Amino acid sequence: MYATQARKKAYLMPPTPALSTVQAFNGQVLTKVQLTDPHTTKLVIINSAQVIFGTKLGMGQTKAQLIECYHQLIQDKGSAPGTIITPAPV
């Protein structure tokens, strides 16, 4: 009886699509609001630093540490948040 009910529920429930863990960014320097947004993942910050500044940041850092490093990159490069920067050569 339980197996029959479980099969019926499994059949009625459509599969849930897997959500991507990597959030995309628009190629612009991330703003302070974007960096501190709870939906901005560590991977987004790391990918943004890699693409825009050509700098690798480590996953072993906390989000707060990544944000601090990202702010330092912005200051070093002299660009304001929201500015489109030509991606660094890989």
PDB file of N, CA and C in Angstrom:
ATOM      1  N   MET A   1       0.819  -1.179   0.000  1.00  0.00           N
ATOM      2  CA  MET A   1       0.000   0.000   0.000  1.00  0.00           C
ATOM      3  C   MET A   1       0.871   1.254   0.000  1.00  0.00           C
ATOM      4  N   TYR A   2       1.882   1.298   0.868  1.00  0.00           N
ATOM      5  CA  TYR A   2       2.741   2.474   0.924  1.00  0.00           C
ATOM      6  C   TYR A   2       3.531   2.642  -0.370  1.00  0.00           C
ATOM      7  N   ALA A   3       3.967   1.530  -0.946  1.00  0.00           N
ATOM      8  CA  ALA A   3       4.729   1.595  -2.195  1.00  0.00           C
ATOM      9  C   ALA A   3       3.859   2.141  -3.321  1.00  0.00           C
ATOM     10  N   THR A   4       2.599   1.764  -3.354  1.00  0.00           N
ATOM     11  CA  THR A   4       1.681   2.256  -4.380  1.00  0.00           C
ATOM     12  C   THR A   4       1.478   3.755  -4.225  1.00  0.00           C
ATOM     13  N   GLN A   5       1.286   4.212  -3.009  1.00  0.00           N
ATOM     14  CA  GLN A   5       1.097   5.646  -2.774  1.00  0.00           C
ATOM     15  C   GLN A   5       2.360   6.430  -3.123  1.00  0.00           C
ATOM     16  N   ALA A   6       3.513   5.899  -2.804  1.00  0.00           N
ATOM     17  CA  ALA A   6       4.770   6.577  -3.109  1.00  0.00           C
ATOM     18  C   ALA A   6       4.961   6.684  -4.618  1.00  0.00           C
ATOM     19  N   ARG A   7       4.618   5.638  -5.353  1.00  0.00           N
ATOM     20  CA  ARG A   7       4.727   5.678  -6.817  1.00  0.00           C
ATOM     21  C   ARG A   7       3.792   6.719  -7.402  1.00  0.00           C
ATOM     22  N   LYS A   8       2.572   6.800  -6.865  1.00  0.00           N
ATOM     23  CA  LYS A   8       1.612   7.787  -7.357  1.00  0.00           C
ATOM     24  C   LYS A   8       2.130   9.204  -7.112  1.00  0.00           C
ATOM     25  N   LYS A   9       2.664   9.456  -5.923  1.00  0.00           N
ATOM     26  CA  LYS A   9       3.193  10.777  -5.611  1.00  0.00           C
ATOM     27  C   LYS A   9       4.393  11.102  -6.490  1.00  0.00           C
ATOM     28  N   ALA A  10       5.256  10.129  -6.696  1.00  0.00           N
ATOM     29  CA  ALA A  10       6.430  10.343  -7.531  1.00  0.00           C
ATOM     30  C   ALA A  10       6.012  10.626  -8.968  1.00  0.00           C
ATOM     31  N   TYR A  11       4.968   9.969  -9.424  1.00  0.00           N
ATOM     32  CA  TYR A  11       4.501  10.172 -10.791  1.00  0.00           C
ATOM     33  C   TYR A  11       3.846  11.542 -10.941  1.00  0.00           C
ATOM     34  N   LEU A  12       3.116  11.991  -9.929  1.00  0.00           N
ATOM     35  CA  LEU A  12       2.413  13.266 -10.008  1.00  0.00           C
ATOM     36  C   LEU A  12       3.341  14.465  -9.843  1.00  0.00           C
ATOM     37  N   MET A  13       4.455  14.289  -9.151  1.00  0.00           N
ATOM     38  CA  MET A  13       5.370  15.397  -8.901  1.00  0.00           C
ATOM     39  C   MET A  13       6.343  15.554 -10.067  1.00  0.00           C
ATOM     40  N   PRO A  14       6.296  16.677 -10.766  1.00  0.00           N
ATOM     41  CA  PRO A  14       7.271  16.874 -11.849  1.00  0.00           C
ATOM     42  C   PRO A  14       8.660  17.071 -11.253  1.00  0.00           C
ATOM     43  N   PRO A  15       9.676  16.672 -11.981  1.00  0.00           N
ATOM     44  CA  PRO A  15      11.032  16.849 -11.438  1.00  0.00           C
ATOM     45  C   PRO A  15      11.359  18.328 -11.296  1.00  0.00           C
ATOM     46  N   THR A  16      12.032  18.667 -10.216  1.00  0.00           N
ATOM     47  CA  THR A  16      12.412  20.060 -10.011  1.00  0.00           C
ATOM     48  C   THR A  16      13.736  20.316 -10.711  1.00  0.00           C
ATOM     49  N   PRO A  17      13.806  21.395 -11.481  1.00  0.00           N
ATOM     50  CA  PRO A  17      15.067  21.680 -12.177  1.00  0.00           C
ATOM     51  C   PRO A  17      16.146  22.083 -11.179  1.00  0.00           C
ATOM     52  N   ALA A  18      17.356  21.664 -11.449  1.00  0.00           N
ATOM     53  CA  ALA A  18      18.468  22.019 -10.574  1.00  0.00           C
ATOM     54  C   ALA A  18      18.817  23.483 -10.791  1.00  0.00           C
ATOM     55  N   LEU A  19      18.914  24.212  -9.710  1.00  0.00           N
ATOM     56  CA  LEU A  19      19.269  25.620  -9.806  1.00  0.00           C
ATOM     57  C   LEU A  19      20.780  25.752  -9.922  1.00  0.00           C
ATOM     58  N   SER A  20      21.205  26.685 -10.730  1.00  0.00           N
ATOM     59  CA  SER A  20      22.626  26.924 -10.886  1.00  0.00           C
ATOM     60  C   SER A  20      23.162  27.575  -9.619  1.00  0.00           C
ATOM     61  N   THR A  21      24.315  27.122  -9.169  1.00  0.00           N
ATOM     62  CA  THR A  21      24.911  27.710  -7.980  1.00  0.00           C
ATOM     63  C   THR A  21      25.729  28.946  -8.319  1.00  0.00           C
ATOM     64  N   VAL A  22      25.965  29.171  -9.592  1.00  0.00           N
ATOM     65  CA  VAL A  22      26.742  30.328 -10.008  1.00  0.00           C
ATOM     66  C   VAL A  22      25.797  31.390 -10.537  1.00  0.00           C
ATOM     67  N   GLN A  23      25.782  32.499  -9.870  1.00  0.00           N
ATOM     68  CA  GLN A  23      24.939  33.618 -10.266  1.00  0.00           C
ATOM     69  C   GLN A  23      25.729  34.443 -11.272  1.00  0.00           C
ATOM     70  N   ALA A  24      25.076  34.869 -12.333  1.00  0.00           N
ATOM     71  CA  ALA A  24      25.757  35.636 -13.367  1.00  0.00           C
ATOM     72  C   ALA A  24      25.854  37.105 -12.973  1.00  0.00           C
ATOM     73  N   PHE A  25      26.860  37.770 -13.489  1.00  0.00           N
ATOM     74  CA  PHE A  25      26.950  39.213 -13.331  1.00  0.00           C
ATOM     75  C   PHE A  25      27.057  39.809 -14.722  1.00  0.00           C
ATOM     76  N   ASN A  26      26.839  41.118 -14.849  1.00  0.00           N
ATOM     77  CA  ASN A  26      26.701  41.737 -16.163  1.00  0.00           C
ATOM     78  C   ASN A  26      27.999  42.297 -16.734  1.00  0.00           C
ATOM     79  N   GLY A  27      29.141  41.896 -16.234  1.00  0.00           N
ATOM     80  CA  GLY A  27      30.406  42.368 -16.771  1.00  0.00           C
ATOM     81  C   GLY A  27      30.838  43.709 -16.215  1.00  0.00           C
ATOM     82  N   GLN A  28      30.083  44.236 -15.272  1.00  0.00           N
ATOM     83  CA  GLN A  28      30.435  45.499 -14.641  1.00  0.00           C
ATOM     84  C   GLN A  28      31.010  45.231 -13.256  1.00  0.00           C
ATOM     85  N   VAL A  29      31.756  46.202 -12.757  1.00  0.00           N
ATOM     86  CA  VAL A  29      32.268  46.106 -11.397  1.00  0.00           C
ATOM     87  C   VAL A  29      31.069  46.047 -10.456  1.00  0.00           C
ATOM     88  N   LEU A  30      31.086  45.119  -9.528  1.00  0.00           N
ATOM     89  CA  LEU A  30      29.977  44.964  -8.590  1.00  0.00           C
ATOM     90  C   LEU A  30      29.926  46.145  -7.626  1.00  0.00           C
ATOM     91  N   THR A  31      28.731  46.625  -7.357  1.00  0.00           N
ATOM     92  CA  THR A  31      28.548  47.733  -6.424  1.00  0.00           C
ATOM     93  C   THR A  31      28.537  47.205  -4.997  1.00  0.00           C
ATOM     94  N   LYS A  32      28.595  48.123  -4.037  1.00  0.00           N
ATOM     95  CA  LYS A  32      28.560  47.737  -2.627  1.00  0.00           C
ATOM     96  C   LYS A  32      27.253  47.026  -2.303  1.00  0.00           C
ATOM     97  N   VAL A  33      26.158  47.507  -2.869  1.00  0.00           N
ATOM     98  CA  VAL A  33      24.846  46.883  -2.644  1.00  0.00           C
ATOM     99  C   VAL A  33      24.837  45.466  -3.206  1.00  0.00           C
ATOM    100  N   GLN A  34      25.388  45.290  -4.406  1.00  0.00           N
ATOM    101  CA  GLN A  34      25.428  43.955  -4.998  1.00  0.00           C
ATOM    102  C   GLN A  34      26.312  43.019  -4.184  1.00  0.00           C
ATOM    103  N   LEU A  35      27.445  43.520  -3.719  1.00  0.00           N
ATOM    104  CA  LEU A  35      28.363  42.677  -2.954  1.00  0.00           C
ATOM    105  C   LEU A  35      27.752  42.198  -1.641  1.00  0.00           C
ATOM    106  N   THR A  36      27.011  43.074  -0.969  1.00  0.00           N
ATOM    107  CA  THR A  36      26.450  42.714   0.335  1.00  0.00           C
ATOM    108  C   THR A  36      25.089  42.041   0.242  1.00  0.00           C
ATOM    109  N   ASP A  37      24.528  41.966  -0.959  1.00  0.00           N
ATOM    110  CA  ASP A  37      23.242  41.301  -1.149  1.00  0.00           C
ATOM    111  C   ASP A  37      23.379  39.829  -0.764  1.00  0.00           C
ATOM    112  N   PRO A  38      22.455  39.297   0.024  1.00  0.00           N
ATOM    113  CA  PRO A  38      22.544  37.884   0.426  1.00  0.00           C
ATOM    114  C   PRO A  38      22.496  36.907  -0.755  1.00  0.00           C
ATOM    115  N   HIS A  39      21.941  37.348  -1.879  1.00  0.00           N
ATOM    116  CA  HIS A  39      21.858  36.469  -3.048  1.00  0.00           C
ATOM    117  C   HIS A  39      23.152  36.452  -3.854  1.00  0.00           C
ATOM    118  N   THR A  40      24.062  37.377  -3.577  1.00  0.00           N
ATOM    119  CA  THR A  40      25.356  37.376  -4.255  1.00  0.00           C
ATOM    120  C   THR A  40      26.240  36.363  -3.546  1.00  0.00           C
ATOM    121  N   THR A  41      26.602  35.338  -4.274  1.00  0.00           N
ATOM    122  CA  THR A  41      27.383  34.252  -3.691  1.00  0.00           C
ATOM    123  C   THR A  41      28.872  34.567  -3.742  1.00  0.00           C
ATOM    124  N   LYS A  42      29.632  33.780  -3.007  1.00  0.00           N
ATOM    125  CA  LYS A  42      31.083  33.920  -3.040  1.00  0.00           C
ATOM    126  C   LYS A  42      31.602  33.665  -4.449  1.00  0.00           C
ATOM    127  N   LEU A  43      30.987  32.719  -5.152  1.00  0.00           N
ATOM    128  CA  LEU A  43      31.420  32.413  -6.517  1.00  0.00           C
ATOM    129  C   LEU A  43      31.254  33.602  -7.454  1.00  0.00           C
ATOM    130  N   VAL A  44      30.204  34.378  -7.271  1.00  0.00           N
ATOM    131  CA  VAL A  44      29.988  35.558  -8.109  1.00  0.00           C
ATOM    132  C   VAL A  44      31.121  36.559  -7.895  1.00  0.00           C
ATOM    133  N   ILE A  45      31.474  36.782  -6.641  1.00  0.00           N
ATOM    134  CA  ILE A  45      32.546  37.724  -6.330  1.00  0.00           C
ATOM    135  C   ILE A  45      33.870  37.222  -6.902  1.00  0.00           C
ATOM    136  N   ILE A  46      34.135  35.938  -6.721  1.00  0.00           N
ATOM    137  CA  ILE A  46      35.370  35.347  -7.223  1.00  0.00           C
ATOM    138  C   ILE A  46      35.420  35.421  -8.746  1.00  0.00           C
ATOM    139  N   ASN A  47      34.319  35.078  -9.415  1.00  0.00           N
ATOM    140  CA  ASN A  47      34.278  35.122 -10.880  1.00  0.00           C
ATOM    141  C   ASN A  47      34.420  36.539 -11.400  1.00  0.00           C
ATOM    142  N   SER A  48      33.783  37.492 -10.732  1.00  0.00           N
ATOM    143  CA  SER A  48      33.877  38.884 -11.145  1.00  0.00           C
ATOM    144  C   SER A  48      35.326  39.370 -11.035  1.00  0.00           C
ATOM    145  N   ALA A  49      35.990  39.058  -9.933  1.00  0.00           N
ATOM    146  CA  ALA A  49      37.392  39.462  -9.750  1.00  0.00           C
ATOM    147  C   ALA A  49      38.279  38.827 -10.810  1.00  0.00           C
ATOM    148  N   GLN A  50      37.994  37.587 -11.167  1.00  0.00           N
ATOM    149  CA  GLN A  50      38.785  36.879 -12.178  1.00  0.00           C
ATOM    150  C   GLN A  50      38.593  37.505 -13.551  1.00  0.00           C
ATOM    151  N   VAL A  51      37.351  37.748 -13.935  1.00  0.00           N
ATOM    152  CA  VAL A  51      37.055  38.252 -15.277  1.00  0.00           C
ATOM    153  C   VAL A  51      37.450  39.726 -15.420  1.00  0.00           C
ATOM    154  N   ILE A  52      37.091  40.532 -14.451  1.00  0.00           N
ATOM    155  CA  ILE A  52      37.302  41.974 -14.582  1.00  0.00           C
ATOM    156  C   ILE A  52      38.729  42.380 -14.230  1.00  0.00           C
ATOM    157  N   PHE A  53      39.263  41.839 -13.145  1.00  0.00           N
ATOM    158  CA  PHE A  53      40.565  42.281 -12.665  1.00  0.00           C
ATOM    159  C   PHE A  53      41.696  41.292 -12.953  1.00  0.00           C
ATOM    160  N   GLY A  54      41.362  40.092 -13.411  1.00  0.00           N
ATOM    161  CA  GLY A  54      42.386  39.083 -13.677  1.00  0.00           C
ATOM    162  C   GLY A  54      43.036  38.565 -12.401  1.00  0.00           C
ATOM    163  N   THR A  55      42.307  38.631 -11.284  1.00  0.00           N
ATOM    164  CA  THR A  55      42.825  38.225  -9.986  1.00  0.00           C
ATOM    165  C   THR A  55      42.051  37.028  -9.468  1.00  0.00           C
ATOM    166  N   LYS A  56      42.771  36.053  -8.953  1.00  0.00           N
ATOM    167  CA  LYS A  56      42.121  34.877  -8.381  1.00  0.00           C
ATOM    168  C   LYS A  56      41.958  35.074  -6.889  1.00  0.00           C
ATOM    169  N   LEU A  57      40.730  34.947  -6.426  1.00  0.00           N
ATOM    170  CA  LEU A  57      40.433  34.984  -4.993  1.00  0.00           C
ATOM    171  C   LEU A  57      40.062  33.577  -4.557  1.00  0.00           C
ATOM    172  N   GLY A  58      40.369  33.218  -3.319  1.00  0.00           N
ATOM    173  CA  GLY A  58      40.168  31.856  -2.851  1.00  0.00           C
ATOM    174  C   GLY A  58      38.801  31.612  -2.248  1.00  0.00           C
ATOM    175  N   MET A  59      38.273  30.410  -2.467  1.00  0.00           N
ATOM    176  CA  MET A  59      36.996  30.000  -1.882  1.00  0.00           C
ATOM    177  C   MET A  59      37.105  29.812  -0.376  1.00  0.00           C
ATOM    178  N   GLY A  60      38.325  29.670   0.144  1.00  0.00           N
ATOM    179  CA  GLY A  60      38.512  29.460   1.572  1.00  0.00           C
ATOM    180  C   GLY A  60      38.263  30.710   2.406  1.00  0.00           C
ATOM    181  N   GLN A  61      38.110  31.851   1.737  1.00  0.00           N
ATOM    182  CA  GLN A  61      37.851  33.094   2.457  1.00  0.00           C
ATOM    183  C   GLN A  61      36.364  33.231   2.728  1.00  0.00           C
ATOM    184  N   THR A  62      36.041  34.000   3.752  1.00  0.00           N
ATOM    185  CA  THR A  62      34.636  34.277   4.033  1.00  0.00           C
ATOM    186  C   THR A  62      34.138  35.311   3.024  1.00  0.00           C
ATOM    187  N   LYS A  63      32.841  35.463   2.947  1.00  0.00           N
ATOM    188  CA  LYS A  63      32.269  36.442   2.023  1.00  0.00           C
ATOM    189  C   LYS A  63      32.735  37.850   2.401  1.00  0.00           C
ATOM    190  N   ALA A  64      32.814  38.132   3.693  1.00  0.00           N
ATOM    191  CA  ALA A  64      33.274  39.451   4.144  1.00  0.00           C
ATOM    192  C   ALA A  64      34.716  39.706   3.702  1.00  0.00           C
ATOM    193  N   GLN A  65      35.562  38.693   3.785  1.00  0.00           N
ATOM    194  CA  GLN A  65      36.953  38.841   3.338  1.00  0.00           C
ATOM    195  C   GLN A  65      37.012  39.054   1.826  1.00  0.00           C
ATOM    196  N   LEU A  66      36.175  38.337   1.089  1.00  0.00           N
ATOM    197  CA  LEU A  66      36.141  38.506  -0.362  1.00  0.00           C
ATOM    198  C   LEU A  66      35.692  39.919  -0.739  1.00  0.00           C
ATOM    199  N   ILE A  67      34.698  40.432  -0.012  1.00  0.00           N
ATOM    200  CA  ILE A  67      34.215  41.784  -0.283  1.00  0.00           C
ATOM    201  C   ILE A  67      35.331  42.793  -0.026  1.00  0.00           C
ATOM    202  N   GLU A  68      36.067  42.615   1.057  1.00  0.00           N
ATOM    203  CA  GLU A  68      37.182  43.507   1.378  1.00  0.00           C
ATOM    204  C   GLU A  68      38.247  43.456   0.288  1.00  0.00           C
ATOM    205  N   CYS A  69      38.595  42.259  -0.167  1.00  0.00           N
ATOM    206  CA  CYS A  69      39.572  42.111  -1.255  1.00  0.00           C
ATOM    207  C   CYS A  69      39.057  42.764  -2.533  1.00  0.00           C
ATOM    208  N   TYR A  70      37.769  42.609  -2.805  1.00  0.00           N
ATOM    209  CA  TYR A  70      37.174  43.184  -4.012  1.00  0.00           C
ATOM    210  C   TYR A  70      37.230  44.711  -3.952  1.00  0.00           C
ATOM    211  N   HIS A  71      36.923  45.288  -2.784  1.00  0.00           N
ATOM    212  CA  HIS A  71      37.023  46.739  -2.624  1.00  0.00           C
ATOM    213  C   HIS A  71      38.463  47.206  -2.846  1.00  0.00           C
ATOM    214  N   GLN A  72      39.424  46.428  -2.376  1.00  0.00           N
ATOM    215  CA  GLN A  72      40.831  46.772  -2.568  1.00  0.00           C
ATOM    216  C   GLN A  72      41.189  46.739  -4.056  1.00  0.00           C
ATOM    217  N   LEU A  73      40.660  45.766  -4.773  1.00  0.00           N
ATOM    218  CA  LEU A  73      40.900  45.701  -6.224  1.00  0.00           C
ATOM    219  C   LEU A  73      40.343  46.936  -6.927  1.00  0.00           C
ATOM    220  N   ILE A  74      39.163  47.361  -6.504  1.00  0.00           N
ATOM    221  CA  ILE A  74      38.552  48.554  -7.102  1.00  0.00           C
ATOM    222  C   ILE A  74      39.433  49.771  -6.843  1.00  0.00           C
ATOM    223  N   GLN A  75      39.925  49.915  -5.614  1.00  0.00           N
ATOM    224  CA  GLN A  75      40.783  51.056  -5.284  1.00  0.00           C
ATOM    225  C   GLN A  75      42.096  51.000  -6.056  1.00  0.00           C
ATOM    226  N   ASP A  76      42.680  49.814  -6.174  1.00  0.00           N
ATOM    227  CA  ASP A  76      43.952  49.665  -6.883  1.00  0.00           C
ATOM    228  C   ASP A  76      43.822  49.980  -8.366  1.00  0.00           C
ATOM    229  N   LYS A  77      42.708  49.581  -8.955  1.00  0.00           N
ATOM    230  CA  LYS A  77      42.491  49.796 -10.390  1.00  0.00           C
ATOM    231  C   LYS A  77      41.928  51.178 -10.675  1.00  0.00           C
ATOM    232  N   GLY A  78      41.451  51.874  -9.637  1.00  0.00           N
ATOM    233  CA  GLY A  78      40.941  53.230  -9.807  1.00  0.00           C
ATOM    234  C   GLY A  78      39.650  53.316 -10.590  1.00  0.00           C
ATOM    235  N   SER A  79      38.790  52.323 -10.447  1.00  0.00           N
ATOM    236  CA  SER A  79      37.521  52.351 -11.163  1.00  0.00           C
ATOM    237  C   SER A  79      36.371  52.331 -10.175  1.00  0.00           C
ATOM    238  N   ALA A  80      35.344  53.065 -10.513  1.00  0.00           N
ATOM    239  CA  ALA A  80      34.171  53.158  -9.651  1.00  0.00           C
ATOM    240  C   ALA A  80      33.257  51.970  -9.882  1.00  0.00           C
ATOM    241  N   PRO A  81      32.529  51.525  -8.851  1.00  0.00           N
ATOM    242  CA  PRO A  81      31.549  50.459  -9.053  1.00  0.00           C
ATOM    243  C   PRO A  81      30.538  50.849 -10.111  1.00  0.00           C
ATOM    244  N   GLY A  82      30.128  49.903 -10.919  1.00  0.00           N
ATOM    245  CA  GLY A  82      29.186  50.154 -11.991  1.00  0.00           C
ATOM    246  C   GLY A  82      29.869  50.485 -13.295  1.00  0.00           C
ATOM    247  N   THR A  83      31.187  50.642 -13.262  1.00  0.00           N
ATOM    248  CA  THR A  83      31.954  50.939 -14.472  1.00  0.00           C
ATOM    249  C   THR A  83      32.222  49.647 -15.223  1.00  0.00           C
ATOM    250  N   ILE A  84      32.085  49.706 -16.523  1.00  0.00           N
ATOM    251  CA  ILE A  84      32.401  48.536 -17.348  1.00  0.00           C
ATOM    252  C   ILE A  84      33.900  48.572 -17.622  1.00  0.00           C
ATOM    253  N   ILE A  85      34.568  47.483 -17.309  1.00  0.00           N
ATOM    254  CA  ILE A  85      36.003  47.397 -17.531  1.00  0.00           C
ATOM    255  C   ILE A  85      36.252  46.280 -18.528  1.00  0.00           C
ATOM    256  N   THR A  86      37.176  46.521 -19.434  1.00  0.00           N
ATOM    257  CA  THR A  86      37.548  45.476 -20.388  1.00  0.00           C
ATOM    258  C   THR A  86      38.144  44.316 -19.603  1.00  0.00           C
ATOM    259  N   PRO A  87      37.653  43.113 -19.832  1.00  0.00           N
ATOM    260  CA  PRO A  87      38.171  41.964 -19.080  1.00  0.00           C
ATOM    261  C   PRO A  87      39.681  41.815 -19.236  1.00  0.00           C
ATOM    262  N   ALA A  88      40.322  41.420 -18.168  1.00  0.00           N
ATOM    263  CA  ALA A  88      41.767  41.211 -18.191  1.00  0.00           C
ATOM    264  C   ALA A  88      42.114  40.005 -19.042  1.00  0.00           C
ATOM    265  N   PRO A  89      43.260  40.037 -19.733  1.00  0.00           N
ATOM    266  CA  PRO A  89      43.643  38.871 -20.540  1.00  0.00           C
ATOM    267  C   PRO A  89      43.930  37.674 -19.654  1.00  0.00           C
ATOM    268  N   VAL A  90      43.557  36.510 -20.153  1.00  0.00           N
ATOM    269  CA  VAL A  90      43.711  35.292 -19.352  1.00  0.00           C
ATOM    270  C   VAL A  90      45.045  34.657 -19.613  1.00  0.00           C
TER     271      VAL A  90
END
